[in-house]
Amino acid sequence: MEPLEQVVADIVARHPEYHGVLENEEASLQRDYSPEQGETNPFLHMAMHIAIHEQLSTARPAGITDIYQSLTIQFGDQHAAEHQMMECLGEMIWQAQRDNRLPSEEDYLACLRRLLAR
């Protein structure tokens, strides 16, 4: 497998709750995943894991690797750390969309640092 394919395979393996969704691709892609009904979009969820892995592979934003390693220790494993990071990533994207501006690496890193301060 290509490196990105391996990342995706690892993420899928860590999310057995989404295997049924992935096996029934046609129906899953037509479905509307509504946060108002307490649903998580499995494709968005896994894409955010991929985004974090891409950040780590490029060491961008600067400092992300050290923060990730510290969060992994703090939360007990990489997967738990990524879930915490996804909250910050989602918040950064939401704020950028709300304010009609580019996402802010500084805001993202500040949110991650607040996680470390807990």
N, C-alpha and C. Protein backbone atom coordinates (compact mmCIF):
# COMPACT_ATOMS: atom_id res chain seq x y z
N MET A 1 0.83 -1.19 0.00
CA MET A 1 0.00 0.00 0.00
C MET A 1 0.87 1.25 0.00
N GLU A 2 0.32 2.28 -0.59
CA GLU A 2 0.96 3.59 -0.53
C GLU A 2 0.85 4.10 0.91
N PRO A 3 1.72 5.01 1.33
CA PRO A 3 1.68 5.50 2.72
C PRO A 3 0.31 6.06 3.13
N LEU A 4 -0.33 6.85 2.26
CA LEU A 4 -1.63 7.40 2.61
C LEU A 4 -2.68 6.30 2.71
N GLU A 5 -2.59 5.31 1.86
CA GLU A 5 -3.52 4.18 1.94
C GLU A 5 -3.36 3.44 3.27
N GLN A 6 -2.14 3.33 3.74
CA GLN A 6 -1.88 2.68 5.02
C GLN A 6 -2.48 3.49 6.17
N VAL A 7 -2.36 4.81 6.09
CA VAL A 7 -2.96 5.68 7.11
C VAL A 7 -4.47 5.46 7.15
N VAL A 8 -5.10 5.46 5.97
CA VAL A 8 -6.55 5.27 5.90
C VAL A 8 -6.93 3.90 6.44
N ALA A 9 -6.20 2.86 6.06
CA ALA A 9 -6.50 1.51 6.55
C ALA A 9 -6.38 1.44 8.06
N ASP A 10 -5.38 2.08 8.63
CA ASP A 10 -5.21 2.08 10.09
C ASP A 10 -6.37 2.81 10.78
N ILE A 11 -6.79 3.92 10.20
CA ILE A 11 -7.91 4.67 10.78
C ILE A 11 -9.20 3.85 10.72
N VAL A 12 -9.44 3.23 9.59
CA VAL A 12 -10.64 2.38 9.46
C VAL A 12 -10.57 1.24 10.47
N ALA A 13 -9.41 0.64 10.65
CA ALA A 13 -9.26 -0.47 11.60
C ALA A 13 -9.55 -0.02 13.03
N ARG A 14 -9.22 1.23 13.34
CA ARG A 14 -9.45 1.75 14.70
C ARG A 14 -10.90 2.19 14.92
N HIS A 15 -11.72 2.09 13.88
CA HIS A 15 -13.12 2.51 13.98
C HIS A 15 -14.06 1.40 13.51
N PRO A 16 -14.13 0.31 14.25
CA PRO A 16 -15.02 -0.78 13.85
C PRO A 16 -16.49 -0.36 13.79
N GLU A 17 -16.84 0.70 14.52
CA GLU A 17 -18.22 1.17 14.49
C GLU A 17 -18.62 1.71 13.12
N TYR A 18 -17.65 1.98 12.26
CA TYR A 18 -17.94 2.49 10.91
C TYR A 18 -17.82 1.42 9.83
N HIS A 19 -17.45 0.22 10.17
CA HIS A 19 -17.26 -0.81 9.16
C HIS A 19 -18.54 -1.08 8.38
N GLY A 20 -19.69 -1.12 9.06
CA GLY A 20 -20.96 -1.33 8.37
C GLY A 20 -21.27 -0.21 7.39
N VAL A 21 -20.95 1.00 7.77
CA VAL A 21 -21.16 2.16 6.90
C VAL A 21 -20.30 2.01 5.65
N LEU A 22 -19.07 1.59 5.83
CA LEU A 22 -18.15 1.47 4.69
C LEU A 22 -18.52 0.29 3.79
N GLU A 23 -19.12 -0.74 4.37
CA GLU A 23 -19.53 -1.89 3.57
C GLU A 23 -20.75 -1.59 2.71
N ASN A 24 -21.58 -0.63 3.14
CA ASN A 24 -22.77 -0.25 2.39
C ASN A 24 -22.59 1.18 1.88
N GLU A 25 -21.61 1.35 1.03
CA GLU A 25 -21.18 2.67 0.57
C GLU A 25 -22.32 3.48 -0.05
N GLU A 26 -23.09 2.87 -0.93
CA GLU A 26 -24.15 3.59 -1.64
C GLU A 26 -25.14 4.23 -0.66
N ALA A 27 -25.67 3.46 0.25
CA ALA A 27 -26.65 3.98 1.21
C ALA A 27 -25.99 4.98 2.16
N SER A 28 -24.77 4.73 2.55
CA SER A 28 -24.07 5.61 3.49
C SER A 28 -23.80 6.97 2.89
N LEU A 29 -23.47 7.01 1.61
CA LEU A 29 -23.19 8.29 0.97
C LEU A 29 -24.45 9.11 0.75
N GLN A 30 -25.60 8.47 0.67
CA GLN A 30 -26.87 9.17 0.48
C GLN A 30 -27.45 9.68 1.79
N ARG A 31 -26.96 9.18 2.89
CA ARG A 31 -27.51 9.50 4.21
C ARG A 31 -27.03 10.87 4.67
N ASP A 32 -27.90 11.56 5.39
CA ASP A 32 -27.56 12.84 5.99
C ASP A 32 -27.26 12.59 7.47
N TYR A 33 -26.03 12.85 7.87
CA TYR A 33 -25.62 12.66 9.26
C TYR A 33 -25.84 13.98 9.99
N SER A 34 -26.80 14.00 10.89
CA SER A 34 -27.22 15.23 11.53
C SER A 34 -26.68 15.34 12.95
N PRO A 35 -25.83 16.35 13.20
CA PRO A 35 -25.34 16.55 14.57
C PRO A 35 -26.48 16.86 15.54
N GLU A 36 -27.54 17.49 15.02
CA GLU A 36 -28.68 17.81 15.87
C GLU A 36 -29.35 16.55 16.42
N GLN A 37 -29.18 15.44 15.73
CA GLN A 37 -29.73 14.17 16.19
C GLN A 37 -28.66 13.31 16.87
N GLY A 38 -27.53 13.93 17.20
CA GLY A 38 -26.47 13.23 17.91
C GLY A 38 -25.66 12.29 17.05
N GLU A 39 -25.68 12.50 15.74
CA GLU A 39 -24.95 11.61 14.84
C GLU A 39 -23.62 12.25 14.42
N THR A 40 -22.64 11.41 14.29
CA THR A 40 -21.35 11.83 13.77
C THR A 40 -21.23 11.35 12.34
N ASN A 41 -20.78 12.22 11.46
CA ASN A 41 -20.55 11.83 10.08
C ASN A 41 -19.26 11.00 10.06
N PRO A 42 -19.35 9.71 9.77
CA PRO A 42 -18.16 8.87 9.83
C PRO A 42 -17.09 9.28 8.82
N PHE A 43 -17.51 9.80 7.68
CA PHE A 43 -16.54 10.22 6.66
C PHE A 43 -15.79 11.47 7.11
N LEU A 44 -16.50 12.40 7.71
CA LEU A 44 -15.86 13.59 8.25
C LEU A 44 -14.93 13.22 9.40
N HIS A 45 -15.40 12.33 10.27
CA HIS A 45 -14.60 11.90 11.41
C HIS A 45 -13.27 11.30 10.94
N MET A 46 -13.34 10.37 10.01
CA MET A 46 -12.11 9.72 9.53
C MET A 46 -11.25 10.70 8.74
N ALA A 47 -11.88 11.63 8.01
CA ALA A 47 -11.11 12.63 7.27
C ALA A 47 -10.33 13.54 8.22
N MET A 48 -10.90 13.82 9.38
CA MET A 48 -10.18 14.65 10.35
C MET A 48 -8.97 13.90 10.91
N HIS A 49 -9.12 12.59 11.12
CA HIS A 49 -7.95 11.79 11.52
C HIS A 49 -6.87 11.88 10.44
N ILE A 50 -7.28 11.76 9.19
CA ILE A 50 -6.32 11.83 8.08
C ILE A 50 -5.65 13.21 8.07
N ALA A 51 -6.42 14.26 8.29
CA ALA A 51 -5.85 15.62 8.31
C ALA A 51 -4.78 15.74 9.39
N ILE A 52 -5.06 15.17 10.56
CA ILE A 52 -4.06 15.23 11.64
C ILE A 52 -2.81 14.46 11.26
N HIS A 53 -2.97 13.31 10.63
CA HIS A 53 -1.80 12.54 10.19
C HIS A 53 -1.01 13.31 9.14
N GLU A 54 -1.70 14.03 8.28
CA GLU A 54 -1.01 14.85 7.28
C GLU A 54 -0.25 15.99 7.97
N GLN A 55 -0.85 16.59 8.98
CA GLN A 55 -0.16 17.64 9.72
C GLN A 55 1.11 17.10 10.34
N LEU A 56 1.02 15.90 10.90
CA LEU A 56 2.20 15.30 11.54
C LEU A 56 3.26 14.94 10.52
N SER A 57 2.84 14.45 9.36
CA SER A 57 3.83 14.03 8.35
C SER A 57 4.57 15.22 7.74
N THR A 58 3.95 16.40 7.78
CA THR A 58 4.58 17.59 7.23
C THR A 58 5.10 18.53 8.32
N ALA A 59 4.84 18.17 9.58
CA ALA A 59 5.22 19.01 10.73
C ALA A 59 4.68 20.43 10.58
N ARG A 60 3.46 20.51 10.11
CA ARG A 60 2.81 21.80 9.95
C ARG A 60 1.43 21.74 10.54
N PRO A 61 1.07 22.66 11.37
CA PRO A 61 1.80 23.86 11.74
C PRO A 61 3.01 23.54 12.62
N ALA A 62 3.94 24.44 12.63
CA ALA A 62 5.16 24.26 13.41
C ALA A 62 4.79 24.00 14.87
N GLY A 63 5.38 22.96 15.44
CA GLY A 63 5.13 22.61 16.82
C GLY A 63 4.10 21.51 17.01
N ILE A 64 3.42 21.12 15.94
CA ILE A 64 2.34 20.14 16.05
C ILE A 64 2.84 18.78 16.53
N THR A 65 4.03 18.39 16.13
CA THR A 65 4.56 17.07 16.51
C THR A 65 4.78 16.99 18.02
N ASP A 66 5.39 18.01 18.60
CA ASP A 66 5.61 18.01 20.04
C ASP A 66 4.30 18.03 20.81
N ILE A 67 3.36 18.82 20.33
CA ILE A 67 2.06 18.88 20.99
C ILE A 67 1.38 17.52 20.92
N TYR A 68 1.42 16.89 19.75
CA TYR A 68 0.80 15.58 19.57
C TYR A 68 1.42 14.55 20.53
N GLN A 69 2.73 14.55 20.62
CA GLN A 69 3.39 13.60 21.53
C GLN A 69 2.98 13.85 22.98
N SER A 70 2.88 15.10 23.36
CA SER A 70 2.47 15.42 24.73
C SER A 70 1.01 15.03 24.98
N LEU A 71 0.14 15.27 23.99
CA LEU A 71 -1.26 14.89 24.14
C LEU A 71 -1.42 13.38 24.18
N THR A 72 -0.59 12.67 23.43
CA THR A 72 -0.64 11.20 23.45
C THR A 72 -0.33 10.69 24.85
N ILE A 73 0.66 11.27 25.49
CA ILE A 73 1.00 10.89 26.87
C ILE A 73 -0.14 11.28 27.80
N GLN A 74 -0.64 12.49 27.66
CA GLN A 74 -1.70 13.00 28.54
C GLN A 74 -2.97 12.18 28.45
N PHE A 75 -3.38 11.80 27.24
CA PHE A 75 -4.65 11.10 27.05
C PHE A 75 -4.49 9.59 26.93
N GLY A 76 -3.27 9.09 27.00
CA GLY A 76 -3.06 7.65 27.11
C GLY A 76 -2.77 6.90 25.83
N ASP A 77 -3.14 7.45 24.69
CA ASP A 77 -2.78 6.80 23.42
C ASP A 77 -3.01 7.78 22.26
N GLN A 78 -2.51 7.40 21.11
CA GLN A 78 -2.58 8.28 19.94
C GLN A 78 -4.01 8.56 19.51
N HIS A 79 -4.84 7.52 19.52
CA HIS A 79 -6.21 7.68 19.06
C HIS A 79 -6.97 8.66 19.93
N ALA A 80 -6.84 8.54 21.23
CA ALA A 80 -7.50 9.46 22.15
C ALA A 80 -6.97 10.88 21.96
N ALA A 81 -5.68 11.02 21.76
CA ALA A 81 -5.09 12.34 21.52
C ALA A 81 -5.66 12.95 20.24
N GLU A 82 -5.77 12.14 19.20
CA GLU A 82 -6.32 12.65 17.93
C GLU A 82 -7.76 13.11 18.10
N HIS A 83 -8.54 12.38 18.88
CA HIS A 83 -9.93 12.80 19.10
C HIS A 83 -9.98 14.16 19.80
N GLN A 84 -9.10 14.40 20.73
CA GLN A 84 -9.03 15.70 21.38
C GLN A 84 -8.60 16.78 20.37
N MET A 85 -7.62 16.46 19.56
CA MET A 85 -7.14 17.41 18.56
C MET A 85 -8.23 17.74 17.54
N MET A 86 -9.07 16.77 17.24
CA MET A 86 -10.13 16.98 16.26
C MET A 86 -11.11 18.04 16.73
N GLU A 87 -11.31 18.14 18.04
CA GLU A 87 -12.18 19.20 18.57
C GLU A 87 -11.62 20.57 18.21
N CYS A 88 -10.32 20.73 18.39
CA CYS A 88 -9.67 22.00 18.06
C CYS A 88 -9.67 22.25 16.55
N LEU A 89 -9.41 21.21 15.79
CA LEU A 89 -9.41 21.34 14.33
C LEU A 89 -10.79 21.75 13.83
N GLY A 90 -11.81 21.11 14.34
CA GLY A 90 -13.18 21.44 13.95
C GLY A 90 -13.55 22.86 14.33
N GLU A 91 -13.15 23.27 15.52
CA GLU A 91 -13.42 24.63 15.99
C GLU A 91 -12.73 25.65 15.09
N MET A 92 -11.49 25.40 14.70
CA MET A 92 -10.75 26.32 13.84
C MET A 92 -11.45 26.45 12.48
N ILE A 93 -11.87 25.32 11.94
CA ILE A 93 -12.54 25.34 10.63
C ILE A 93 -13.88 26.08 10.73
N TRP A 94 -14.64 25.80 11.80
CA TRP A 94 -15.93 26.45 11.98
C TRP A 94 -15.76 27.96 12.09
N GLN A 95 -14.78 28.41 12.88
CA GLN A 95 -14.55 29.84 13.04
C GLN A 95 -14.16 30.50 11.72
N ALA A 96 -13.33 29.82 10.94
CA ALA A 96 -12.93 30.37 9.65
C ALA A 96 -14.13 30.50 8.72
N GLN A 97 -14.99 29.50 8.71
CA GLN A 97 -16.18 29.57 7.86
C GLN A 97 -17.12 30.67 8.35
N ARG A 98 -17.33 30.74 9.66
CA ARG A 98 -18.22 31.74 10.25
C ARG A 98 -17.75 33.15 9.92
N ASP A 99 -16.44 33.37 10.01
CA ASP A 99 -15.87 34.70 9.80
C ASP A 99 -15.44 34.96 8.36
N ASN A 100 -15.66 33.99 7.48
CA ASN A 100 -15.29 34.10 6.06
C ASN A 100 -13.82 34.50 5.90
N ARG A 101 -12.95 33.69 6.55
CA ARG A 101 -11.50 33.95 6.49
C ARG A 101 -10.78 32.60 6.41
N LEU A 102 -9.49 32.68 6.19
CA LEU A 102 -8.67 31.46 6.17
C LEU A 102 -8.56 30.88 7.58
N PRO A 103 -8.43 29.57 7.70
CA PRO A 103 -8.22 28.97 9.02
C PRO A 103 -6.93 29.51 9.65
N SER A 104 -6.95 29.67 10.95
CA SER A 104 -5.82 30.23 11.67
C SER A 104 -5.02 29.14 12.38
N GLU A 105 -3.79 28.95 11.93
CA GLU A 105 -2.91 28.00 12.61
C GLU A 105 -2.67 28.43 14.05
N GLU A 106 -2.58 29.74 14.28
CA GLU A 106 -2.34 30.25 15.63
C GLU A 106 -3.49 29.87 16.57
N ASP A 107 -4.73 30.04 16.09
CA ASP A 107 -5.89 29.67 16.91
C ASP A 107 -5.91 28.17 17.19
N TYR A 108 -5.58 27.40 16.19
CA TYR A 108 -5.55 25.94 16.33
C TYR A 108 -4.51 25.53 17.38
N LEU A 109 -3.31 26.06 17.26
CA LEU A 109 -2.26 25.73 18.22
C LEU A 109 -2.61 26.22 19.62
N ALA A 110 -3.25 27.37 19.72
CA ALA A 110 -3.65 27.88 21.04
C ALA A 110 -4.67 26.94 21.67
N CYS A 111 -5.60 26.43 20.89
CA CYS A 111 -6.58 25.48 21.40
C CYS A 111 -5.89 24.20 21.86
N LEU A 112 -4.95 23.70 21.07
CA LEU A 112 -4.22 22.49 21.45
C LEU A 112 -3.42 22.71 22.74
N ARG A 113 -2.84 23.87 22.87
CA ARG A 113 -2.07 24.17 24.09
C ARG A 113 -2.99 24.23 25.32
N ARG A 114 -4.22 24.69 25.13
CA ARG A 114 -5.17 24.70 26.23
C ARG A 114 -5.48 23.26 26.67
N LEU A 115 -5.52 22.34 25.72
CA LEU A 115 -5.71 20.93 26.07
C LEU A 115 -4.58 20.45 26.97
N LEU A 116 -3.37 20.87 26.66
CA LEU A 116 -2.22 20.46 27.45
C LEU A 116 -2.25 21.03 28.87
N ALA A 117 -2.91 22.16 29.01
CA ALA A 117 -2.96 22.82 30.31
C ALA A 117 -4.01 22.24 31.24
N ARG A 118 -4.83 21.34 30.73
CA ARG A 118 -5.89 20.73 31.58
C ARG A 118 -5.29 19.91 32.67
